[in-house]
Protein backbone atom coordinates (compact mmCIF):
# COMPACT_ATOMS: atom_id res chain seq x y z
CA MET A 1 75.21 51.63 66.17
CA LEU A 2 77.64 52.50 68.65
CA GLN A 3 76.76 55.12 71.43
CA LEU A 4 79.43 58.04 71.18
CA PRO A 5 81.18 56.97 74.11
CA ASP A 6 81.79 53.42 72.71
CA ARG A 7 82.62 54.92 69.27
CA ALA A 8 85.23 57.59 71.09
CA ALA A 9 86.89 54.46 73.04
CA TRP A 10 87.14 52.48 69.71
CA LEU A 11 88.46 55.59 67.96
CA ARG A 12 91.30 55.96 70.40
CA GLY A 13 91.94 52.12 70.71
CA PHE A 14 92.25 52.31 66.86
CA ALA A 15 94.97 55.19 66.66
CA ARG A 16 96.54 53.99 69.42
CA GLY A 17 96.96 50.40 67.76
CA ALA A 18 98.02 52.24 64.42
CA SER A 19 100.49 54.53 66.18
CA VAL A 20 102.28 51.19 67.68
CA GLY A 21 102.04 49.49 64.35
CA ALA A 22 103.66 52.55 62.55
CA LEU A 23 106.63 52.61 65.16
CA LEU A 24 107.08 48.69 64.72
CA ALA A 25 107.11 49.39 61.09
CA LEU A 26 109.56 52.52 60.82
CA SER A 27 111.85 50.37 63.45
CA ALA A 28 111.88 47.23 60.98
CA TRP A 29 112.98 49.65 58.25
CA ASP A 30 116.12 50.58 60.41
CA LEU A 31 117.04 47.47 60.52
CA LEU A 32 116.87 46.80 57.03
CA ILE A 33 118.80 50.02 55.98
CA ALA A 34 121.33 48.75 58.64
CA GLY A 35 121.56 45.07 56.87
CA ASP A 36 121.51 46.47 53.20
CA ALA A 37 124.49 48.95 54.41
CA GLY A 38 126.54 45.59 55.77
CA TYR A 39 126.22 47.26 59.17
CA PRO A 40 125.35 44.99 62.28
CA ALA A 41 122.29 45.29 62.81
CA TRP A 42 122.16 44.22 66.35
CA ARG A 43 123.68 47.72 67.50
CA PRO A 44 120.62 49.74 66.11
CA ALA A 45 118.36 47.03 67.46
CA ALA A 46 119.59 47.45 70.91
CA VAL A 47 119.11 51.23 71.05
CA LEU A 48 115.61 50.83 69.23
CA ALA A 49 114.45 48.18 71.82
CA VAL A 50 115.35 50.64 74.74
CA GLY A 51 113.35 53.42 73.02
CA LEU A 52 110.45 51.13 72.18
CA THR A 53 110.18 49.82 75.55
CA ALA A 54 110.00 53.17 77.15
CA VAL A 55 107.38 54.42 74.82
CA LEU A 56 105.57 51.34 74.43
CA TRP A 57 105.40 49.69 78.14
CA PRO A 58 101.78 49.92 79.36
CA ALA A 59 100.89 52.45 81.83
CA THR A 60 98.73 49.49 83.72
CA CYS A 61 101.70 47.30 84.64
CA ARG A 62 104.38 50.06 84.64
CA PRO A 63 106.79 49.67 87.61
CA PRO A 64 107.18 52.72 90.21
CA TRP A 65 110.65 53.01 88.96
CA LEU A 66 110.11 53.79 85.52
CA THR A 67 109.27 57.74 86.07
CA PRO A 68 108.71 59.95 82.86
CA GLN A 69 112.19 61.25 83.61
CA LEU A 70 114.14 58.05 83.16
CA ARG A 71 111.34 56.69 80.39
CA THR A 72 112.70 59.84 78.18
CA ALA A 73 116.23 60.63 79.22
CA ALA A 74 117.73 57.22 79.43
CA PRO A 75 116.94 56.15 75.64
CA ALA A 76 117.55 59.75 74.33
CA LEU A 77 121.13 59.56 76.37
CA LEU A 78 122.00 56.20 74.33
CA SER A 79 121.26 57.39 71.35
CA LEU A 80 123.63 60.62 72.06
CA LEU A 81 126.38 58.10 72.88
CA TYR A 82 125.61 55.78 69.64
CA THR A 83 126.19 58.80 67.69
CA ALA A 84 129.17 60.16 69.45
CA ALA A 85 130.91 56.71 69.27
CA SER A 86 130.51 56.47 65.76
CA PHE A 87 131.99 59.64 65.15
CA ILE A 88 134.88 58.97 67.52
CA ARG A 89 135.63 55.91 66.00
CA HIS A 90 135.10 57.38 62.35
CA ARG A 91 132.86 54.76 61.49
CA ILE A 92 129.77 55.47 58.79
CA VAL A 93 126.76 54.04 60.66
CA PRO A 94 123.41 54.77 58.86
CA PHE A 95 120.33 55.75 60.13
CA GLY A 96 116.41 55.39 59.76
CA PRO A 97 113.23 57.05 60.48
CA GLY A 98 112.64 54.74 63.10
CA GLU A 99 114.64 55.84 65.82
CA ILE A 100 113.87 59.47 64.78
CA ALA A 101 110.08 58.51 65.17
CA VAL A 102 111.29 56.93 68.61
CA LEU A 103 112.88 60.21 69.94
CA LEU A 104 110.30 62.54 68.76
CA CYS A 105 107.61 60.43 70.88
CA LEU A 106 110.05 60.68 73.84
CA LEU A 107 110.70 64.20 73.41
CA PHE A 108 106.49 64.47 73.30
CA ILE A 109 106.63 62.56 76.65
CA ALA A 110 108.97 64.71 78.43
CA VAL A 111 107.65 67.98 77.52
CA ARG A 112 104.20 66.75 78.44
CA HIS A 113 104.41 64.67 81.32
CA CYS A 114 107.90 65.27 83.35
CA THR A 115 108.46 67.89 85.70
CA PRO A 116 109.47 71.34 84.37
CA ARG A 117 112.85 70.82 85.18
CA TRP A 118 113.19 67.32 83.96
CA ALA A 119 110.80 68.12 80.97
CA VAL A 120 113.81 70.77 79.82
CA ILE A 121 116.47 68.26 80.37
CA SER A 122 115.04 65.10 78.86
CA GLY A 123 113.63 67.35 75.94
CA VAL A 124 117.07 68.60 75.47
CA LEU A 125 118.41 65.36 75.34
CA ALA A 126 115.88 63.87 72.88
CA ALA A 127 115.99 67.18 70.41
CA GLY A 128 119.42 66.62 70.68
CA ALA A 129 119.44 63.11 69.66
CA VAL A 130 117.48 64.03 66.66
CA LEU A 131 119.34 66.95 65.24
CA LEU A 132 122.84 65.01 65.85
CA MET A 133 122.44 61.76 64.39
CA PRO A 134 123.24 62.88 60.62
CA VAL A 135 126.69 63.07 62.15
CA ARG A 136 126.59 59.11 62.22
CA TYR A 137 126.70 59.06 58.31
CA TYR A 138 127.76 62.25 57.13
CA ARG A 139 130.67 63.15 59.52
CA THR A 140 129.25 66.84 59.42
CA LEU A 141 125.92 68.94 60.18
CA TRP A 142 126.45 71.81 57.75
CA SER A 143 128.54 70.72 54.86
CA GLY A 144 127.81 68.75 52.10
CA ASP A 145 124.58 68.96 50.03
CA GLU A 146 122.07 66.66 52.11
CA ALA A 147 123.12 66.92 55.90
CA PRO A 148 122.00 70.58 56.33
CA VAL A 149 118.95 69.25 54.70
CA TYR A 150 118.42 66.50 57.15
CA VAL A 151 119.07 69.17 60.23
CA LEU A 152 116.47 71.33 58.75
CA VAL A 153 113.88 68.81 58.72
CA GLY A 154 115.05 67.73 62.15
CA LEU A 155 114.40 71.35 63.41
CA VAL A 156 111.11 71.48 62.02
CA LEU A 157 109.84 68.28 63.74
CA VAL A 158 111.37 69.04 66.98
CA GLY A 159 109.44 72.38 66.98
CA LEU A 160 106.18 70.60 65.85
CA VAL A 161 106.13 67.90 68.60
CA GLY A 162 107.57 69.78 71.34
CA GLY A 163 104.98 72.61 70.57
CA LEU A 164 102.18 70.12 70.28
CA ALA A 165 103.39 68.81 73.59
CA ALA A 166 103.71 72.45 75.38
CA TYR A 167 100.07 73.22 74.18
CA LEU A 168 98.54 69.95 75.56
CA ARG A 169 100.34 70.29 78.77
CA SER A 170 99.21 73.70 79.03
CA VAL A 171 95.37 72.68 78.19
CA ASP A 172 96.22 69.79 80.98
CA TYR A 173 96.97 72.33 83.61
CA ARG A 174 94.24 74.80 82.65
CA ARG A 175 91.81 72.01 83.29
CA THR A 176 93.21 70.76 86.67
CA VAL A 177 92.98 74.25 87.64
CA ALA A 178 89.58 74.81 86.61
CA VAL A 179 88.59 71.21 88.19
CA ALA A 180 90.19 72.40 91.53
CA ASP A 181 88.40 75.70 91.56
CA THR A 182 84.88 73.74 90.98
CA ARG A 183 85.78 71.28 93.48
CA ARG A 184 86.90 74.14 96.03
CA GLU A 185 83.60 76.30 95.01
CA GLU A 186 81.30 73.29 95.74
CA ARG A 187 82.77 72.77 99.00
CA LEU A 188 82.26 76.63 99.66
CA ALA A 189 78.86 75.90 98.73
CA ILE A 190 78.45 73.03 101.17
CA ALA A 191 79.93 75.35 103.69
CA ALA A 192 77.12 78.00 103.00
CA ASP A 193 74.58 74.94 103.24
CA LEU A 194 75.70 74.25 106.56
CA HIS A 195 74.36 77.17 108.24
CA ASP A 196 70.96 76.29 106.77
CA PHE A 197 71.18 72.74 108.21
CA VAL A 198 72.51 73.75 111.70
CA ALA A 199 70.05 76.35 112.06
CA HIS A 200 66.96 74.26 111.24
CA HIS A 201 68.08 71.96 114.44
CA VAL A 202 68.91 74.60 116.37
CA THR A 203 65.87 76.37 116.15
CA GLY A 204 63.99 73.51 116.95
CA ILE A 205 66.30 72.94 120.10
CA LEU A 206 65.48 76.54 121.03
CA VAL A 207 61.75 76.25 120.70
CA GLN A 208 61.69 72.90 122.61
CA THR A 209 63.94 74.34 125.46
CA GLN A 210 61.41 77.18 126.12
CA MET A 211 58.83 74.36 126.44
CA THR A 212 60.82 72.61 128.74
CA ARG A 213 61.45 75.70 130.80
CA MET A 214 57.77 76.44 131.07
CA MET A 215 56.63 72.86 131.68
CA ALA A 216 59.31 73.02 135.00
CA ALA A 217 57.88 76.00 135.85
CA ALA A 218 54.78 74.77 135.97
CA PRO A 219 53.42 72.89 139.32
CA PRO A 220 53.79 68.93 139.05
CA GLU A 221 50.38 68.11 138.63
CA GLN A 222 50.25 70.20 135.53
CA ARG A 223 53.18 69.06 134.00
CA GLY A 224 51.82 65.15 132.89
CA ASP A 225 53.75 63.15 131.19
CA GLY A 226 55.02 65.47 128.42
CA LEU A 227 58.59 66.36 129.40
CA ASP A 228 59.94 63.11 128.63
CA PRO A 229 59.14 63.48 124.60
CA VAL A 230 60.58 67.07 124.64
CA LEU A 231 63.35 66.20 126.17
CA ALA A 232 63.54 63.32 123.79
CA GLY A 233 62.80 65.67 120.60
CA ILE A 234 65.85 68.06 121.88
CA GLU A 235 67.96 65.15 122.17
CA ARG A 236 67.02 64.11 118.87
CA ALA A 237 67.52 67.58 117.14
CA ALA A 238 71.14 67.60 118.89
CA THR A 239 71.91 64.60 117.43
CA GLU A 240 71.19 65.39 114.02
CA ALA A 241 72.47 68.95 114.24
CA LEU A 242 76.15 67.40 115.34
CA ALA A 243 75.65 64.63 112.61
CA SER A 244 75.16 67.17 109.60
CA MET A 245 77.99 69.23 111.00
CA ARG A 246 80.41 66.36 111.00
CA ARG A 247 79.46 65.15 107.53
CA THR A 248 79.67 68.80 105.99
CA VAL A 249 82.38 70.20 107.94
CA GLY A 250 84.35 66.58 106.93
CA VAL A 251 84.73 68.04 103.22
CA LEU A 252 85.63 71.52 103.64
CA ARG A 253 89.44 70.54 104.58
CA ASP A 254 91.26 73.90 105.37
CA THR A 255 89.28 76.27 103.25
CA THR A 256 88.67 79.33 104.98
CA GLU A 257 87.44 81.81 102.41
CA GLN A 258 83.78 82.96 102.25
CA ALA A 259 81.18 82.30 99.90
CA ASP A 260 77.92 83.92 99.09
CA ARG A 261 75.05 81.72 100.42
CA ARG A 262 72.95 79.78 97.91
CA PRO A 263 69.51 79.01 98.54
CA VAL A 264 69.25 75.15 99.70
CA GLY A 265 67.15 73.03 97.70
CA ASP A 266 65.06 69.77 99.11
CA LEU A 267 63.00 67.20 97.84
CA ALA A 268 59.83 69.39 97.83
CA SER A 269 61.93 71.72 95.89
CA ILE A 270 62.34 69.00 93.10
CA ALA A 271 58.87 68.93 92.33
CA GLU A 272 58.64 72.73 91.67
CA LEU A 273 61.92 72.16 89.42
CA THR A 274 60.60 69.32 87.17
CA ASP A 275 57.39 71.40 86.84
CA GLY A 276 59.32 74.84 85.78
CA PHE A 277 61.46 72.89 83.38
CA ALA A 278 58.98 71.32 80.80
CA SER A 279 59.19 72.93 77.52
CA PRO A 280 56.95 72.71 74.34
CA GLY A 281 57.20 68.96 72.74
CA GLY A 282 59.01 67.52 75.81
CA ARG A 283 57.38 66.33 79.29
CA VAL A 284 59.09 66.07 82.45
CA THR A 285 57.79 63.26 84.87
CA LEU A 286 58.33 62.99 88.73
CA HIS A 287 58.04 59.71 90.49
CA ARG A 288 58.62 60.27 94.08
CA ASP A 289 58.52 57.09 96.41
CA PRO A 290 56.22 57.68 99.47
CA ASP A 291 59.15 56.59 101.96
CA ALA A 292 61.20 59.43 100.46
CA SER A 293 59.89 61.84 103.28
CA ASP A 294 60.98 65.63 103.74
CA ASP A 295 62.54 64.47 106.97
CA LEU A 296 65.58 62.87 105.48
CA PRO A 297 68.80 64.67 106.49
CA HIS A 298 69.03 68.13 104.96
CA GLU A 299 72.32 67.66 103.20
CA VAL A 300 71.12 64.47 101.64
CA GLN A 301 68.09 66.56 100.34
CA ALA A 302 70.16 69.33 98.98
CA ALA A 303 72.60 67.00 97.21
CA ALA A 304 69.29 65.34 95.39
CA PHE A 305 68.29 68.55 94.60
CA ARG A 306 71.63 69.39 92.96
CA VAL A 307 71.61 66.11 91.23
CA VAL A 308 68.07 66.95 89.33
CA GLN A 309 69.21 70.63 89.10
CA GLU A 310 72.27 69.58 87.26
CA SER A 311 71.01 66.63 85.13
CA LEU A 312 68.19 68.73 83.67
CA THR A 313 70.50 71.61 83.21
CA ASN A 314 72.72 69.16 81.06
CA VAL A 315 69.60 67.93 79.05
CA ARG A 316 68.80 71.47 77.99
CA ARG A 317 72.34 72.22 77.19
CA HIS A 318 73.19 68.98 75.04
CA ALA A 319 70.11 67.38 74.13
CA ALA A 320 67.10 69.79 73.83
CA ASP A 321 65.39 67.41 71.70
CA ALA A 322 64.54 65.30 74.44
CA THR A 323 60.73 64.67 74.38
CA GLU A 324 60.38 62.32 77.61
CA ILE A 325 62.44 63.01 80.89
CA THR A 326 61.77 60.90 84.13
CA VAL A 327 63.21 61.89 87.67
CA ALA A 328 62.74 58.91 90.37
CA LEU A 329 63.21 59.20 93.71
CA GLY A 330 63.46 55.96 95.75
CA TYR A 331 64.35 55.51 99.44
CA ASP A 332 64.89 51.67 100.79
CA GLY A 333 65.75 52.95 104.64
CA ALA A 334 69.22 53.26 103.91
CA ALA A 335 70.03 55.49 101.02
CA LEU A 336 68.19 57.85 98.76
CA SER A 337 68.04 57.17 95.13
CA VAL A 338 67.75 59.67 92.63
CA THR A 339 67.71 59.27 88.83
CA VAL A 340 67.27 61.23 85.75
CA THR A 341 66.94 59.74 82.22
CA ASP A 342 65.93 61.34 78.89
CA ASP A 343 65.26 60.18 75.64
CA GLY A 344 67.64 62.65 73.61
CA ARG A 345 69.65 62.37 70.93
CA GLY A 346 72.21 64.83 71.41
CA GLY A 347 69.73 67.14 68.62
CA ALA A 348 68.77 70.45 68.89
CA GLN A 349 71.78 71.60 71.17
CA LEU A 350 72.22 74.97 72.31
CA PRO A 351 75.08 77.23 70.89
CA ALA A 352 78.64 76.74 71.97
CA ALA A 353 78.51 80.03 73.88
CA ALA A 354 75.62 78.83 75.88
CA HIS A 355 77.28 75.74 77.40
CA GLY A 356 78.94 75.97 80.77
CA GLY A 357 82.50 75.42 81.38
CA GLY A 358 82.06 71.28 81.59
CA PHE A 359 82.72 71.14 85.39
CA GLY A 360 79.33 70.71 86.53
CA LEU A 361 79.76 66.96 87.08
CA VAL A 362 82.62 67.48 88.81
CA GLY A 363 81.28 69.56 91.47
CA LEU A 364 78.47 67.26 91.67
CA ARG A 365 80.35 64.42 92.26
CA GLU A 366 82.33 66.31 95.14
CA ARG A 367 79.42 66.59 96.76
CA VAL A 368 78.13 63.29 96.27
CA THR A 369 81.09 61.52 97.28
CA ALA A 370 81.22 63.76 100.47
CA LEU A 371 78.34 62.04 101.72
CA GLY A 372 79.69 59.01 100.87
CA GLY A 373 77.54 58.03 97.75
CA GLU A 374 78.01 57.24 94.39
CA LEU A 375 77.33 59.14 91.03
CA ARG A 376 76.95 57.02 87.96
CA THR A 377 76.61 58.70 84.53
CA GLY A 378 76.25 57.57 80.98
CA PRO A 379 74.04 56.36 78.14
CA ARG A 380 70.90 54.36 78.72
CA THR A 381 70.97 50.71 78.53
CA THR A 382 67.61 50.42 76.56
CA GLY A 383 67.26 52.98 73.97
CA PRO A 384 68.60 56.41 73.52
CA GLY A 385 69.33 58.95 75.73
CA TRP A 386 71.55 59.50 78.76
CA GLU A 387 71.06 58.68 82.21
CA VAL A 388 72.21 60.08 85.73
CA ARG A 389 71.76 58.40 88.67
CA ALA A 390 73.14 59.11 92.13
CA LEU A 391 72.92 57.21 95.73
CA LEU A 392 73.10 59.31 98.65
CA PRO A 393 73.45 57.23 102.02
CA THR A 394 71.34 58.41 104.85
CA PRO A 395 72.95 57.63 108.55
CA ASP A 396 70.65 55.86 110.57
CA GLY A 397 68.09 55.72 107.90
CA LYS A 398 66.25 52.55 108.97
CA ASP A 399 65.95 54.28 112.59
CA GLN A 400 64.36 57.56 111.17
CA LYS A 401 62.18 56.08 108.95
CA ASN A 402 60.77 53.55 111.92
CA GLY A 403 60.80 56.66 113.96
CA ARG A 404 58.32 58.13 111.67
CA ARG A 405 56.13 55.48 111.57
CA GLU A 406 55.62 54.72 115.21
């Protein structure tokens, strides 16, 4: 049985293939109409070829010069010129549903994807080409029995397609704003963490500096060999503080707003988090590599805590029927790996009102990638359920690890 993401991809591919087939079939119908009327088929074929190329050209191999403005304005303008030429030359030109469908697709692309100014220009051109098409055959838009019907139907189709495209454009805009806000909030949260990272190291520097002053004031015979280890500790703490500041401030860019401080989690807090998460019928198991110690950089520990926190929250929201949840922390000397898996099938979900805004993973990915790491989410390869895996590199991890064992 297909997993949900695979099924959704299959449905999208099927819908795309069906749409392409329908456009080609309607275009072939146009050519048959022209042939039955004794009209040269190459003229409508040329107009259809330009329109179909603009609509169906794959985005993966589309040249940079083929912008949405050019894709929508050029075919619509060609259709208008074709209509004007037939009217000026007083020739009756048949038309069919294929060109109308192509123009409506261009209208959709223009309203949804063009810049605001070009959305209006290209949208008016495409809508005008659809509404003026009856002039080719009836020589008028309002007189007669059938021409007004075509115009009325055209107005309805233009309104529906344009309205749908405008609605989807507004949805895209709102989501873009929401994602940007989520990333900004996550960066502000990282800025709040900066205080805790640096304060930890600076406090250690302060204590060791006081010890150094006391040792320096003591007689030489009482100092012993204790001064060098203290100075080495000060150097190490200062280096770690500078590294934390560099990595953390690097993701803040030019954000200057203030944010409420949030408690910073660490690896030790993950155990408390998993212990408090278990619910009746469900079990949370934590596997922690002994090498994943509490001496890892604080920003890495905070990111690991956030990965586990967000993953467990998503399990509760979207897979409350999960009976086995596993949290694994591994460390290979260079990177901390965090893996959260569950065996939920998506049943027993919370009410829709209890769900989040859908941007938790966006902020999580922002935090992980800011540290140079990777975040992967998706269905489990073995059995039902979901898996979240984060890889968080630890600068100079091997040296830190060796230093702890010496």
